[in-house]
N, C-alpha and C. Protein backbone atom coordinates (compact mmCIF):
# COMPACT_ATOMS: atom_id res chain seq x y z
N UNK A 1 0.83 -1.17 0.00
CA UNK A 1 0.00 0.00 0.00
C UNK A 1 0.87 1.23 0.00
N UNK A 2 2.01 1.16 -0.64
CA UNK A 2 2.87 2.31 -0.77
C UNK A 2 2.16 3.41 -1.50
N UNK A 3 1.07 3.06 -2.18
CA UNK A 3 0.38 4.03 -3.00
C UNK A 3 -0.15 5.18 -2.19
N UNK A 4 -0.10 5.11 -0.90
CA UNK A 4 -0.73 6.14 -0.12
C UNK A 4 -0.12 7.47 -0.34
N UNK A 5 0.00 7.23 0.02
CA UNK A 5 0.12 8.19 1.05
C UNK A 5 -0.69 9.34 0.65
N UNK A 6 -0.74 9.16 1.65
CA UNK A 6 -1.35 9.69 1.80
C UNK A 6 -0.64 9.52 0.86
N UNK A 7 -0.50 8.97 0.30
CA UNK A 7 -0.45 9.49 0.80
C UNK A 7 -0.30 9.46 -0.07
N UNK A 8 -1.38 10.46 2.07
CA UNK A 8 -1.27 10.21 1.43
C UNK A 8 -1.87 10.20 0.76
N UNK A 9 -0.87 9.81 0.72
CA UNK A 9 -1.55 9.66 0.39
C UNK A 9 -1.80 9.51 -0.29
N UNK A 10 -0.43 9.70 -1.21
CA UNK A 10 -1.25 10.17 -1.33
C UNK A 10 -1.08 9.98 -2.39
N UNK A 11 -1.50 10.27 -4.44
CA UNK A 11 -2.11 10.09 -5.57
C UNK A 11 -2.49 11.00 -6.65
N UNK A 12 -3.35 10.48 -7.61
CA UNK A 12 -3.63 11.46 -8.63
C UNK A 12 -4.66 11.03 -9.63
N UNK A 13 -4.75 11.51 -10.85
CA UNK A 13 -6.00 11.37 -11.57
C UNK A 13 -5.99 11.49 -13.06
N UNK A 14 -7.18 11.47 -13.61
CA UNK A 14 -7.41 11.76 -15.01
C UNK A 14 -7.14 13.24 -15.18
N UNK A 15 -6.48 13.62 -16.26
CA UNK A 15 -6.20 15.04 -16.45
C UNK A 15 -7.49 15.82 -16.44
N UNK A 16 -7.48 16.95 -15.76
CA UNK A 16 -8.69 17.75 -15.66
C UNK A 16 -8.36 19.09 -15.07
N UNK A 17 -9.39 19.76 -14.62
CA UNK A 17 -9.19 21.08 -14.04
C UNK A 17 -9.41 21.03 -12.55
N UNK A 18 -8.92 22.03 -11.88
CA UNK A 18 -9.10 22.12 -10.44
C UNK A 18 -10.41 22.81 -10.09
N UNK A 19 -11.19 23.15 -11.08
CA UNK A 19 -12.46 23.82 -10.84
C UNK A 19 -13.48 22.83 -10.31
N UNK A 20 -14.39 23.31 -9.49
CA UNK A 20 -15.45 22.47 -8.95
C UNK A 20 -16.65 22.59 -9.87
N UNK A 21 -17.03 21.47 -10.49
CA UNK A 21 -18.13 21.50 -11.44
C UNK A 21 -19.40 20.93 -10.85
N UNK A 22 -19.43 20.72 -9.55
CA UNK A 22 -20.55 20.05 -8.91
C UNK A 22 -21.02 20.92 -7.75
N UNK A 23 -22.32 21.05 -7.61
CA UNK A 23 -22.88 21.88 -6.54
C UNK A 23 -22.54 21.32 -5.17
N UNK A 24 -22.22 20.04 -5.08
CA UNK A 24 -21.87 19.43 -3.80
C UNK A 24 -20.41 19.64 -3.43
N UNK A 25 -19.62 20.19 -4.33
CA UNK A 25 -18.20 20.37 -4.10
C UNK A 25 -17.97 21.48 -3.07
N UNK A 26 -16.88 21.38 -2.29
CA UNK A 26 -16.54 22.47 -1.37
C UNK A 26 -16.31 23.77 -2.12
N UNK A 27 -16.58 24.88 -1.46
CA UNK A 27 -16.44 26.19 -2.08
C UNK A 27 -14.98 26.54 -2.34
N UNK A 28 -14.06 26.05 -1.51
CA UNK A 28 -12.64 26.35 -1.68
C UNK A 28 -12.02 25.47 -2.75
N UNK A 29 -11.02 26.00 -3.40
CA UNK A 29 -10.25 25.24 -4.38
C UNK A 29 -9.35 24.24 -3.66
N UNK A 30 -9.09 23.12 -4.29
CA UNK A 30 -8.19 22.11 -3.74
C UNK A 30 -6.73 22.55 -3.85
N UNK A 31 -6.47 23.58 -4.65
CA UNK A 31 -5.10 24.07 -4.85
C UNK A 31 -4.51 24.51 -3.52
N UNK A 32 -3.28 24.05 -3.25
CA UNK A 32 -2.59 24.43 -2.03
C UNK A 32 -1.72 23.32 -1.50
N UNK A 33 -1.22 23.51 -0.28
CA UNK A 33 -0.34 22.55 0.34
C UNK A 33 -1.03 21.79 1.46
N UNK A 34 -0.63 20.53 1.65
CA UNK A 34 -1.22 19.65 2.66
C UNK A 34 -0.12 18.86 3.35
N UNK A 35 -0.40 18.46 4.59
CA UNK A 35 0.54 17.64 5.35
C UNK A 35 -0.25 16.54 6.04
N UNK A 36 0.32 15.34 6.10
CA UNK A 36 -0.35 14.25 6.81
C UNK A 36 -0.54 14.65 8.26
N UNK A 37 -1.79 14.58 8.72
CA UNK A 37 -2.07 14.91 10.12
C UNK A 37 -2.40 13.66 10.93
N UNK A 38 -3.13 12.72 10.33
CA UNK A 38 -3.43 11.48 11.06
C UNK A 38 -3.37 10.28 10.11
N UNK A 39 -3.05 9.15 10.70
CA UNK A 39 -3.08 7.86 10.03
C UNK A 39 -3.86 6.93 10.96
N UNK A 40 -5.01 6.47 10.49
CA UNK A 40 -5.89 5.64 11.32
C UNK A 40 -6.21 6.30 12.66
N UNK A 41 -6.38 7.61 12.62
CA UNK A 41 -6.79 8.36 13.80
C UNK A 41 -5.68 8.82 14.71
N UNK A 42 -4.45 8.38 14.48
CA UNK A 42 -3.33 8.77 15.32
C UNK A 42 -2.30 9.55 14.54
N UNK A 43 -1.39 10.17 15.27
CA UNK A 43 -0.31 10.93 14.64
C UNK A 43 0.69 9.99 13.98
N UNK A 44 1.31 10.42 12.88
CA UNK A 44 2.36 9.60 12.28
C UNK A 44 3.56 9.53 13.23
N UNK A 45 4.42 8.54 13.11
CA UNK A 45 4.41 7.49 12.11
C UNK A 45 3.41 6.38 12.45
N UNK A 46 3.01 5.65 11.40
CA UNK A 46 2.11 4.52 11.57
C UNK A 46 2.33 3.53 10.43
N UNK A 47 2.09 2.27 10.72
CA UNK A 47 2.25 1.21 9.72
C UNK A 47 1.17 1.36 8.66
N UNK A 48 1.60 1.34 7.38
CA UNK A 48 0.67 1.45 6.25
C UNK A 48 0.71 0.23 5.34
N UNK A 49 1.72 -0.64 5.52
CA UNK A 49 1.83 -1.84 4.71
C UNK A 49 2.68 -2.85 5.46
N UNK A 50 2.27 -4.15 5.35
CA UNK A 50 3.01 -5.16 6.09
C UNK A 50 2.83 -6.52 5.43
N UNK A 51 3.95 -7.29 5.38
CA UNK A 51 3.87 -8.69 4.99
C UNK A 51 4.91 -9.45 5.82
N UNK A 52 5.17 -10.69 5.48
CA UNK A 52 6.09 -11.51 6.28
C UNK A 52 7.53 -11.00 6.25
N UNK A 53 7.92 -10.31 5.18
CA UNK A 53 9.30 -9.88 5.03
C UNK A 53 9.56 -8.42 5.39
N UNK A 54 8.52 -7.57 5.33
CA UNK A 54 8.79 -6.16 5.57
C UNK A 54 7.57 -5.45 6.14
N UNK A 55 7.87 -4.34 6.83
CA UNK A 55 6.83 -3.47 7.37
C UNK A 55 7.17 -2.04 6.95
N UNK A 56 6.19 -1.34 6.37
CA UNK A 56 6.40 0.04 5.95
C UNK A 56 5.56 0.95 6.84
N UNK A 57 6.23 1.92 7.45
CA UNK A 57 5.55 2.93 8.26
C UNK A 57 5.68 4.27 7.58
N UNK A 58 4.58 5.00 7.50
CA UNK A 58 4.62 6.35 6.96
C UNK A 58 5.03 7.29 8.08
N UNK A 59 6.16 7.96 7.87
CA UNK A 59 6.69 8.90 8.86
C UNK A 59 6.08 10.28 8.66
N UNK A 60 5.90 10.67 7.41
CA UNK A 60 5.32 11.97 7.10
C UNK A 60 5.21 12.16 5.61
N UNK A 61 4.37 13.10 5.21
CA UNK A 61 4.22 13.40 3.79
C UNK A 61 3.66 14.79 3.61
N UNK A 62 4.08 15.42 2.52
CA UNK A 62 3.49 16.69 2.11
C UNK A 62 2.99 16.52 0.68
N UNK A 63 1.92 17.22 0.38
CA UNK A 63 1.30 17.17 -0.94
C UNK A 63 1.03 18.59 -1.38
N UNK A 64 1.44 18.92 -2.60
CA UNK A 64 1.16 20.25 -3.16
C UNK A 64 0.30 20.05 -4.41
N UNK A 65 -0.86 20.70 -4.43
CA UNK A 65 -1.77 20.67 -5.57
C UNK A 65 -1.69 22.03 -6.24
N UNK A 66 -1.38 22.05 -7.54
CA UNK A 66 -1.20 23.32 -8.25
C UNK A 66 -2.41 23.64 -9.12
N UNK A 67 -2.50 24.91 -9.52
CA UNK A 67 -3.64 25.38 -10.30
C UNK A 67 -3.70 24.77 -11.70
N UNK A 68 -2.59 24.22 -12.17
CA UNK A 68 -2.58 23.60 -13.50
C UNK A 68 -2.86 22.09 -13.43
N UNK A 69 -3.55 21.66 -12.35
CA UNK A 69 -3.97 20.27 -12.15
C UNK A 69 -2.80 19.30 -12.04
N UNK A 70 -1.74 19.74 -11.41
CA UNK A 70 -0.57 18.90 -11.15
C UNK A 70 -0.42 18.74 -9.65
N UNK A 71 0.28 17.66 -9.24
CA UNK A 71 0.57 17.49 -7.83
C UNK A 71 2.03 17.09 -7.65
N UNK A 72 2.55 17.38 -6.46
CA UNK A 72 3.87 16.95 -6.03
C UNK A 72 3.68 16.32 -4.66
N UNK A 73 4.11 15.07 -4.52
CA UNK A 73 3.99 14.34 -3.26
C UNK A 73 5.39 13.97 -2.78
N UNK A 74 5.75 14.42 -1.59
CA UNK A 74 7.01 14.05 -0.96
C UNK A 74 6.68 13.30 0.31
N UNK A 75 7.21 12.09 0.45
CA UNK A 75 6.93 11.34 1.67
C UNK A 75 8.18 10.68 2.19
N UNK A 76 8.17 10.41 3.48
CA UNK A 76 9.24 9.67 4.14
C UNK A 76 8.62 8.47 4.80
N UNK A 77 9.18 7.31 4.50
CA UNK A 77 8.72 6.07 5.11
C UNK A 77 9.89 5.40 5.81
N UNK A 78 9.57 4.51 6.72
CA UNK A 78 10.55 3.68 7.38
C UNK A 78 10.24 2.25 6.95
N UNK A 79 11.23 1.59 6.34
CA UNK A 79 11.03 0.24 5.83
C UNK A 79 11.84 -0.72 6.70
N UNK A 80 11.13 -1.59 7.42
CA UNK A 80 11.78 -2.59 8.25
C UNK A 80 11.74 -3.92 7.50
N UNK A 81 12.93 -4.44 7.16
CA UNK A 81 13.04 -5.69 6.41
C UNK A 81 13.61 -6.76 7.34
N UNK A 82 12.92 -7.88 7.41
CA UNK A 82 13.35 -8.98 8.26
C UNK A 82 14.80 -9.36 7.93
N UNK A 83 15.63 -9.38 8.95
CA UNK A 83 17.03 -9.77 8.79
C UNK A 83 17.95 -8.66 8.31
N UNK A 84 17.40 -7.53 7.89
CA UNK A 84 18.24 -6.44 7.38
C UNK A 84 18.15 -5.17 8.21
N UNK A 85 17.14 -5.04 9.04
CA UNK A 85 16.98 -3.84 9.84
C UNK A 85 16.01 -2.86 9.22
N UNK A 86 16.09 -1.63 9.70
CA UNK A 86 15.16 -0.59 9.28
C UNK A 86 15.90 0.49 8.51
N UNK A 87 15.32 0.87 7.38
CA UNK A 87 15.92 1.88 6.53
C UNK A 87 14.91 2.98 6.24
N UNK A 88 15.33 4.25 6.35
CA UNK A 88 14.43 5.34 5.94
C UNK A 88 14.46 5.47 4.42
N UNK A 89 13.35 5.90 3.87
CA UNK A 89 13.28 6.13 2.42
C UNK A 89 12.45 7.37 2.17
N UNK A 90 12.96 8.26 1.35
CA UNK A 90 12.24 9.48 0.97
C UNK A 90 11.91 9.39 -0.51
N UNK A 91 10.66 9.68 -0.84
CA UNK A 91 10.21 9.61 -2.22
C UNK A 91 9.65 10.95 -2.67
N UNK A 92 9.84 11.24 -3.95
CA UNK A 92 9.32 12.45 -4.59
C UNK A 92 8.54 11.99 -5.81
N UNK A 93 7.25 12.29 -5.83
CA UNK A 93 6.41 11.85 -6.94
C UNK A 93 5.62 13.02 -7.48
N UNK A 94 5.35 12.94 -8.77
CA UNK A 94 4.56 13.99 -9.43
C UNK A 94 3.47 13.33 -10.26
N UNK A 95 2.50 14.13 -10.65
CA UNK A 95 1.44 13.62 -11.50
C UNK A 95 0.39 14.68 -11.74
N UNK A 96 -0.75 14.22 -12.23
CA UNK A 96 -1.87 15.11 -12.51
C UNK A 96 -3.05 14.72 -11.63
N UNK A 97 -4.01 15.64 -11.53
CA UNK A 97 -5.20 15.33 -10.75
C UNK A 97 -6.43 15.95 -11.40
N UNK A 98 -7.58 15.41 -11.03
CA UNK A 98 -8.86 15.96 -11.48
C UNK A 98 -9.81 15.99 -10.29
N UNK A 99 -10.68 16.97 -10.29
CA UNK A 99 -11.66 17.12 -9.21
C UNK A 99 -13.04 16.91 -9.80
N UNK A 100 -13.82 16.06 -9.15
CA UNK A 100 -15.21 15.85 -9.52
C UNK A 100 -16.03 15.84 -8.24
N UNK A 101 -16.74 16.93 -7.99
CA UNK A 101 -17.48 17.04 -6.74
C UNK A 101 -16.52 17.08 -5.57
N UNK A 102 -16.64 16.11 -4.67
CA UNK A 102 -15.75 16.04 -3.52
C UNK A 102 -14.65 15.01 -3.71
N UNK A 103 -14.57 14.43 -4.88
CA UNK A 103 -13.57 13.39 -5.18
C UNK A 103 -12.40 13.99 -5.94
N UNK A 104 -11.18 13.73 -5.47
CA UNK A 104 -9.97 14.15 -6.15
C UNK A 104 -9.26 12.87 -6.58
N UNK A 105 -9.04 12.73 -7.87
CA UNK A 105 -8.36 11.54 -8.39
C UNK A 105 -6.98 11.95 -8.87
N UNK A 106 -5.98 11.25 -8.39
CA UNK A 106 -4.59 11.56 -8.71
C UNK A 106 -4.00 10.45 -9.57
N UNK A 107 -3.30 10.84 -10.64
CA UNK A 107 -2.65 9.88 -11.55
C UNK A 107 -1.16 10.21 -11.58
N UNK A 108 -0.33 9.25 -11.21
CA UNK A 108 1.12 9.51 -11.18
C UNK A 108 1.73 9.59 -12.57
N UNK A 109 2.80 10.36 -12.69
CA UNK A 109 3.56 10.41 -13.94
C UNK A 109 4.29 9.10 -14.19
N UNK A 110 4.70 8.42 -13.12
CA UNK A 110 5.42 7.15 -13.22
C UNK A 110 4.59 6.04 -12.58
N UNK A 111 3.72 5.41 -13.34
CA UNK A 111 2.93 4.31 -12.77
C UNK A 111 3.85 3.23 -12.22
N UNK A 112 3.41 2.62 -11.15
CA UNK A 112 4.22 1.61 -10.49
C UNK A 112 4.85 2.13 -9.22
N UNK A 113 5.26 3.40 -9.24
CA UNK A 113 5.79 4.01 -8.02
C UNK A 113 4.65 4.46 -7.12
N UNK A 114 3.53 4.73 -7.72
CA UNK A 114 2.35 5.21 -7.01
C UNK A 114 1.15 4.79 -7.84
N UNK A 115 0.14 4.26 -7.20
CA UNK A 115 -1.07 3.86 -7.92
C UNK A 115 -1.98 5.06 -8.12
N UNK A 116 -2.90 4.94 -9.08
CA UNK A 116 -3.96 5.94 -9.21
C UNK A 116 -4.70 5.95 -7.89
N UNK A 117 -4.93 7.12 -7.34
CA UNK A 117 -5.47 7.24 -5.99
C UNK A 117 -6.62 8.24 -5.97
N UNK A 118 -7.69 7.88 -5.27
CA UNK A 118 -8.81 8.80 -5.07
C UNK A 118 -8.85 9.23 -3.62
N UNK A 119 -9.08 10.52 -3.44
CA UNK A 119 -9.17 11.09 -2.10
C UNK A 119 -10.49 11.84 -1.98
N UNK A 120 -10.98 11.96 -0.77
CA UNK A 120 -12.20 12.73 -0.50
C UNK A 120 -11.79 14.12 -0.03
N UNK A 121 -12.40 15.15 -0.61
CA UNK A 121 -12.06 16.56 -0.35
C UNK A 121 -13.21 17.22 0.40
N UNK A 122 -12.91 17.89 1.53
CA UNK A 122 -13.96 18.56 2.28
C UNK A 122 -13.78 20.07 2.37
N UNK A 123 -12.81 20.61 1.68
CA UNK A 123 -12.56 22.05 1.71
C UNK A 123 -11.32 22.41 2.51
N UNK A 124 -10.97 21.59 3.51
CA UNK A 124 -9.78 21.84 4.32
C UNK A 124 -8.84 20.65 4.43
N UNK A 125 -9.33 19.48 4.03
CA UNK A 125 -8.47 18.30 4.11
C UNK A 125 -8.81 17.31 3.00
N UNK A 126 -7.85 16.44 2.74
CA UNK A 126 -8.00 15.35 1.80
C UNK A 126 -7.87 14.05 2.59
N UNK A 127 -8.76 13.10 2.34
CA UNK A 127 -8.75 11.84 3.07
C UNK A 127 -8.61 10.68 2.11
N UNK A 128 -7.63 9.84 2.38
CA UNK A 128 -7.43 8.62 1.62
C UNK A 128 -7.90 7.45 2.48
N UNK A 129 -8.80 6.65 1.96
CA UNK A 129 -9.26 5.45 2.65
C UNK A 129 -8.92 4.24 1.80
N UNK A 130 -8.17 3.31 2.38
CA UNK A 130 -7.83 2.07 1.68
C UNK A 130 -8.09 0.90 2.62
N UNK A 131 -9.33 0.38 2.60
CA UNK A 131 -9.66 -0.73 3.49
C UNK A 131 -9.14 -2.07 2.99
N UNK A 132 -8.61 -2.13 1.76
CA UNK A 132 -8.24 -3.40 1.14
C UNK A 132 -6.75 -3.69 1.14
N UNK A 133 -5.93 -2.81 1.65
CA UNK A 133 -4.49 -3.04 1.65
C UNK A 133 -4.09 -4.07 2.69
N UNK A 134 -2.80 -4.40 2.75
CA UNK A 134 -2.31 -5.35 3.74
C UNK A 134 -2.56 -4.83 5.16
N UNK A 135 -2.62 -3.51 5.29
CA UNK A 135 -3.02 -2.86 6.53
C UNK A 135 -4.07 -1.83 6.13
N UNK A 136 -5.33 -2.01 6.53
CA UNK A 136 -6.35 -0.99 6.18
C UNK A 136 -5.93 0.36 6.77
N UNK A 137 -6.00 1.41 5.94
CA UNK A 137 -5.59 2.73 6.42
C UNK A 137 -6.58 3.81 6.01
N UNK A 138 -6.63 4.83 6.87
CA UNK A 138 -7.31 6.09 6.57
C UNK A 138 -6.28 7.17 6.89
N UNK A 139 -5.89 7.91 5.87
CA UNK A 139 -4.88 8.95 6.03
C UNK A 139 -5.53 10.29 5.73
N UNK A 140 -5.38 11.23 6.67
CA UNK A 140 -5.93 12.57 6.51
C UNK A 140 -4.77 13.55 6.32
N UNK A 141 -4.87 14.31 5.22
CA UNK A 141 -3.90 15.37 4.93
C UNK A 141 -4.61 16.70 5.12
N UNK A 142 -4.12 17.52 6.02
CA UNK A 142 -4.73 18.83 6.32
C UNK A 142 -4.02 19.93 5.55
N UNK A 143 -4.81 20.92 5.14
CA UNK A 143 -4.25 22.10 4.46
C UNK A 143 -3.30 22.80 5.41
N UNK A 144 -2.16 23.26 4.86
CA UNK A 144 -1.19 24.00 5.68
C UNK A 144 -1.13 25.44 5.24
């Protein structure tokens, strides 16, 4: 579930505009900066992916959404590998996003490093819910 992050979260979408075309959409634009505030209701770091050989914890992430429907996601994770110890890893990802009502869909420029990700937008935060990963997660990114 590295696709998160938030993060996380976090993700991206079909190319589109940052305009809200739906009456149910928040009045504020999604454009701006965000930081992971909670993972499964608690402060980071928290485990976001786990199997028999490794455990990945999200230490922190920032997300920048630009007016030209692009995003930049920077995250730091801690990867614990059985028999090898724990290693920090910092990732920088970019992509495009589209807004439809309260849904923000993010599409990475480099598929495989990050999956297409949908987040829920409420005007002040973006929420990623992934109940199907190796560790079910809900990651909230708050506007900074």
